[in-house]
Structure formats: C-alpha cells, structure tokens
Protein backbone atom coordinates (compact mmCIF):
# COMPACT_ATOMS: atom_id res chain seq x y z
CA MET A 1 14.85 41.13 0.05
CA SER A 2 15.41 42.61 3.51
CA ALA A 3 18.81 43.84 4.70
CA ASP A 4 18.88 41.14 7.40
CA LEU A 5 18.34 38.38 4.84
CA THR A 6 21.13 39.78 2.69
CA LYS A 7 23.46 39.78 5.70
CA LEU A 8 22.49 36.21 6.59
CA ILE A 9 23.32 35.04 3.09
CA GLU A 10 26.54 37.01 2.74
CA SER A 11 27.85 35.95 6.17
CA GLY A 12 26.95 32.33 5.51
CA ASN A 13 24.83 32.13 8.68
CA LEU A 14 21.78 30.99 6.72
CA PHE A 15 23.67 28.00 5.35
CA ILE A 16 25.13 27.27 8.79
CA GLY A 17 21.56 27.23 10.08
CA ILE A 18 20.59 24.73 7.37
CA PHE A 19 23.58 22.55 8.25
CA ASP A 20 22.80 22.68 12.00
CA THR A 21 19.19 21.70 11.35
CA VAL A 22 20.18 18.75 9.14
CA TRP A 23 22.89 17.32 11.40
CA MET A 24 20.83 17.64 14.57
CA THR A 25 17.84 15.99 12.87
CA LEU A 26 19.82 13.09 11.41
CA LEU A 27 21.94 12.45 14.51
CA SER A 28 18.96 12.61 16.86
CA SER A 29 16.94 10.31 14.59
CA LEU A 30 19.80 7.81 14.38
CA ILE A 31 20.35 7.66 18.14
CA GLY A 32 16.59 7.67 18.68
CA TYR A 33 16.29 4.62 16.44
CA ILE A 34 19.19 2.86 18.21
CA VAL A 35 17.23 3.28 21.46
CA GLY A 36 13.71 2.96 20.05
CA LEU A 37 14.22 -0.14 17.88
CA PRO A 38 15.08 -2.59 20.69
CA LEU A 39 12.46 -0.94 22.91
CA GLY A 40 9.83 -1.46 20.19
CA VAL A 41 10.90 -5.09 19.76
CA LEU A 42 10.61 -5.58 23.51
CA LEU A 43 7.13 -4.04 23.53
CA TYR A 44 6.09 -6.40 20.74
CA ALA A 45 7.70 -9.50 22.24
CA THR A 46 6.23 -9.01 25.73
CA ASP A 47 2.74 -8.13 24.52
CA LYS A 48 -0.15 -10.59 24.53
CA GLY A 49 0.43 -12.97 21.64
CA GLY A 50 4.09 -11.95 21.40
CA LEU A 51 7.14 -14.20 21.45
CA LYS A 52 7.44 -14.02 25.23
CA PRO A 53 4.27 -12.55 26.78
CA LEU A 54 5.08 -10.70 30.00
CA PRO A 55 2.01 -8.58 30.82
CA ILE A 56 3.54 -6.75 33.80
CA VAL A 57 6.74 -5.85 31.95
CA ASN A 58 4.75 -4.79 28.88
CA LYS A 59 2.43 -2.57 30.91
CA ILE A 60 5.31 -0.87 32.72
CA LEU A 61 7.21 -0.23 29.48
CA GLY A 62 4.04 0.90 27.72
CA PHE A 63 3.21 3.28 30.56
CA ILE A 64 6.67 4.89 30.47
CA VAL A 65 6.60 5.18 26.67
CA ASN A 66 3.13 6.71 26.72
CA ILE A 67 4.16 9.33 29.28
CA PHE A 68 6.97 10.63 27.06
CA ARG A 69 4.87 10.33 23.88
CA SER A 70 1.96 12.30 25.29
CA MET A 71 4.07 15.12 26.72
CA PRO A 72 4.26 18.21 24.45
CA PHE A 73 7.82 18.66 23.22
CA ILE A 74 8.18 22.22 24.50
CA ILE A 75 7.31 21.04 28.03
CA LEU A 76 9.49 17.94 27.69
CA MET A 77 12.47 20.14 26.74
CA VAL A 78 12.14 22.22 29.89
CA ALA A 79 11.61 19.13 32.07
CA MET A 80 14.66 17.35 30.60
CA LEU A 81 17.10 20.27 31.02
CA PRO A 82 18.70 18.67 34.12
CA VAL A 83 19.03 15.35 32.27
CA ALA A 84 20.75 17.02 29.31
CA LYS A 85 23.08 18.87 31.67
CA LEU A 86 23.94 15.60 33.42
CA ILE A 87 24.74 13.83 30.12
CA VAL A 88 26.55 16.53 28.11
CA GLY A 89 27.42 19.04 30.83
CA THR A 90 25.10 21.80 29.65
CA GLY A 91 21.39 22.47 29.41
CA ILE A 92 21.63 24.79 26.41
CA GLY A 93 23.11 24.58 22.92
CA ASN A 94 22.89 21.96 20.23
CA LYS A 95 24.42 19.12 22.25
CA ALA A 96 21.71 19.50 24.88
CA MET A 97 19.09 19.75 22.16
CA VAL A 98 20.22 16.42 20.66
CA VAL A 99 19.74 14.76 24.06
CA MET A 100 16.21 16.17 24.31
CA LEU A 101 15.39 15.23 20.73
CA VAL A 102 16.47 11.64 21.42
CA ILE A 103 14.39 11.50 24.61
CA ALA A 104 11.38 12.79 22.66
CA SER A 105 11.85 10.62 19.57
CA ALA A 106 12.83 7.24 21.07
CA PRO A 107 9.38 6.48 22.61
CA TYR A 108 7.66 7.59 19.39
CA ILE A 109 9.96 5.37 17.33
CA SER A 110 9.42 2.40 19.66
CA ARG A 111 5.67 2.53 19.02
CA MET A 112 6.30 2.78 15.27
CA VAL A 113 8.52 -0.32 15.47
CA GLU A 114 5.97 -2.21 17.55
CA SER A 115 3.25 -1.37 15.02
CA SER A 116 5.44 -2.52 12.11
CA LEU A 117 6.18 -5.86 13.77
CA LYS A 118 2.49 -6.47 14.50
CA GLU A 119 1.76 -6.25 10.77
CA ILE A 120 3.76 -9.43 10.10
CA ASP A 121 1.74 -12.54 9.31
CA GLY A 122 1.70 -14.88 12.30
CA GLY A 123 2.14 -17.85 9.98
CA VAL A 124 5.68 -16.76 9.17
CA ILE A 125 6.58 -16.75 12.86
CA GLU A 126 4.94 -20.14 13.45
CA ALA A 127 6.90 -21.58 10.52
CA ALA A 128 10.15 -20.32 12.03
CA LYS A 129 9.25 -21.81 15.42
CA SER A 130 8.44 -25.17 13.83
CA MET A 131 11.95 -25.23 12.37
CA GLY A 132 13.43 -24.79 15.85
CA ALA A 133 14.40 -21.12 15.64
CA SER A 134 14.99 -19.39 18.96
CA ASP A 135 13.21 -16.15 19.89
CA PHE A 136 16.38 -14.18 19.16
CA GLU A 137 16.74 -15.81 15.75
CA ILE A 138 13.08 -15.12 14.95
CA ILE A 139 13.57 -11.44 15.81
CA LEU A 140 16.83 -11.10 13.90
CA LYS A 141 16.14 -13.31 10.88
CA VAL A 142 12.35 -13.17 10.50
CA LEU A 143 10.67 -10.21 12.16
CA LEU A 144 13.11 -7.42 11.29
CA PRO A 145 13.71 -8.51 7.66
CA GLU A 146 9.97 -8.99 7.04
CA ALA A 147 9.13 -5.62 8.59
CA LYS A 148 11.99 -3.78 6.87
CA PRO A 149 9.90 -1.73 4.39
CA SER A 150 7.48 -0.71 7.15
CA LEU A 151 10.37 0.10 9.49
CA ILE A 152 11.96 2.32 6.86
CA ILE A 153 8.69 4.19 6.29
CA GLY A 154 8.39 4.59 10.06
CA ALA A 155 11.94 5.93 10.16
CA VAL A 156 11.06 8.51 7.50
CA ILE A 157 8.00 9.65 9.45
CA SER A 158 10.01 9.76 12.68
CA THR A 159 12.82 11.77 11.08
CA VAL A 160 10.36 14.34 9.73
CA THR A 161 8.82 14.58 13.21
CA VAL A 162 12.28 15.12 14.73
CA LEU A 163 12.89 17.86 12.17
CA GLY A 164 9.81 19.65 13.51
CA TYR A 165 11.06 19.21 17.07
CA CYS A 166 14.47 20.53 15.99
CA ALA A 167 12.91 23.78 14.78
CA MET A 168 11.13 24.14 18.14
CA SER A 169 14.35 23.57 20.09
CA SER A 170 15.49 27.09 19.15
CA THR A 171 13.14 28.43 21.84
CA ILE A 172 15.57 27.34 24.57
CA GLY A 173 18.96 27.78 22.97
CA GLY A 174 19.18 25.53 19.92
CA THR A 175 20.42 26.88 16.61
CA GLY A 176 19.34 26.16 13.05
CA LEU A 177 16.56 27.39 10.82
CA GLY A 178 14.15 27.65 13.75
CA GLN A 179 16.41 30.12 15.52
CA ILE A 180 16.91 32.15 12.34
CA ALA A 181 13.15 32.29 11.71
CA ILE A 182 12.45 33.48 15.26
CA VAL A 183 15.41 35.82 15.91
CA TYR A 184 15.89 37.37 12.47
CA GLY A 185 12.40 36.80 11.08
CA HIS A 186 9.70 37.08 13.71
CA ASN A 187 11.47 39.34 16.22
CA ARG A 188 12.60 41.78 13.53
CA HIS A 189 9.43 41.56 11.44
CA ASN A 190 11.19 40.14 8.38
CA ASP A 191 8.59 37.94 6.70
CA ASP A 192 10.97 37.03 3.88
CA ILE A 193 13.36 35.38 6.36
CA ILE A 194 10.52 33.39 7.92
CA TRP A 195 9.37 32.13 4.53
CA ILE A 196 12.88 31.32 3.31
CA CYS A 197 13.34 29.18 6.45
CA VAL A 198 9.99 27.49 5.80
CA LEU A 199 11.06 26.84 2.21
CA PHE A 200 14.33 25.18 3.24
CA ILE A 201 12.56 23.04 5.85
CA LEU A 202 10.07 21.89 3.20
CA ILE A 203 12.95 21.03 0.87
CA ILE A 204 14.68 19.00 3.60
CA VAL A 205 11.42 17.17 4.37
CA GLN A 206 10.90 16.40 0.69
CA ILE A 207 14.43 15.03 0.30
CA ILE A 208 14.03 12.80 3.37
CA GLN A 209 10.69 11.49 2.13
CA GLU A 210 11.81 10.87 -1.45
CA PHE A 211 14.95 8.97 -0.49
CA GLY A 212 13.25 7.09 2.35
CA MET A 213 10.21 6.01 0.35
CA ALA A 214 12.35 5.01 -2.63
CA TYR A 215 14.50 2.80 -0.39
CA ALA A 216 11.40 1.31 1.27
CA LYS A 217 9.99 0.33 -2.14
CA LYS A 218 13.35 -1.15 -3.13
CA THR A 219 13.33 -3.43 -0.08
CA ASP A 220 9.67 -4.45 -0.36
CA LYS A 221 9.55 -8.12 -1.41
CA ARG A 222 5.97 -7.81 -2.67
CA ILE A 223 6.95 -5.15 -5.22
CA ARG A 224 9.96 -7.19 -6.34
CA ARG A 225 7.74 -10.27 -6.83
CA GLN A 226 5.27 -8.27 -8.93
CA LYS A 227 8.08 -7.05 -11.20
CA LYS A 228 9.19 -10.64 -11.77
C-alpha cells in the first residue's frame, strides 16, 4: 500500500470521493430522467405510427437529440461550460458537472424511453382507444405502466453510463473517484490507488445493476403470471 493511499484512507478523502461519485451519478440520472422521459414520450408520440404523428416536430426533436447523443462527452463538457455557468453560476466544480451530466444523459435517456415504448403491442393501444381513452390517458395509464420493466432496465443502463461520465468529469474540475484516480493515482504513479478506484466503481455499478434488475423483474407482469 502506497503512502498516498494510506493518507487518502486516514483523511477520509477516499470515502468522500466515493460519496461524491454516488451523489453526482444519482442526482444527474434522476434529473436526466425527469427531462428525458417526457422527451422520449414526445419522440414516440410524434413518430410515424405514434399517437399523434407530427413528422416535422419529430425530425427536429430527433435531430437535436442525435446531436447531443453523438457528441463525445469530453467535448460536450467543454462546449457546455458557458451553459453550466449560466445555470449554476460557475463552470467548474460538482454543481457544474451535474448540469453537464444532465445535458449528456437526457438525450440518451429519451432514446431509451422511445425504444421501450415502441416495444409495446399495438393491440393494447388500440384497445384503449376503442374504450374512448384520450392520448394523455393512454400515455399515463397504458404506455408507461406496460413499459415499466423496460424503462427500469433502461434507467439502470443510463445510470451506469452517467457513472462513467461522472468519472470523466474530473478532467475539468469535478471531484470523486475519477479525480482521485487521476491526481493521486496516475499523476503520482500509484497503481494501487488507480485500481482501488476501479474496484469501488465496479462495486457501485454492480449494486446499481442488482437492485435495478431485481426491481424490473418484480414489476414485470409476464414473470408474475408465470409464477401464478
């Protein structure tokens, strides 16, 4: 064990780094889903064969989403520095990183939501329409409940992706395990610090996946029917 790793543990900075990584990941994922969920529903609803096909609106939204999805996160962070400064008053630090993580994750999440909704059997939607349900009611009472297991799995995948982005955010001022791995590990040639950070990130990913997948299975109607 290197002297720097010992100091990190004794000072508590390693555990602060773990905490910063977790809260930034969860908060960014939550806000990203609050933005991405309605955007994904809108992409689905306005698409060809959707509840309210609007080709022009769908193409514009799809184009904007694709721009942010295709941009590498490291470049997106630099490009969005003025936006973060406008929203939270600073372009560095964890608050700014959360803004950038949301901007990066929301388009990704919206496509995940759109994909989940497209998996739903069209017969279910037609049945709801035949009973006089409005588009809003179909979205709220049919589409989202039917797609719930898939949406949860998508949320798990998105959260793990945000965790990876969070580690990268240390390159322009974010804290967490990424910063510890770079500053105390790579820059000071302490391989043990790099690998301990990797280990904790893997543990966090595993926890997210286990809880998320277990909840997705619990909400899956098909599995519940098989058990009966």
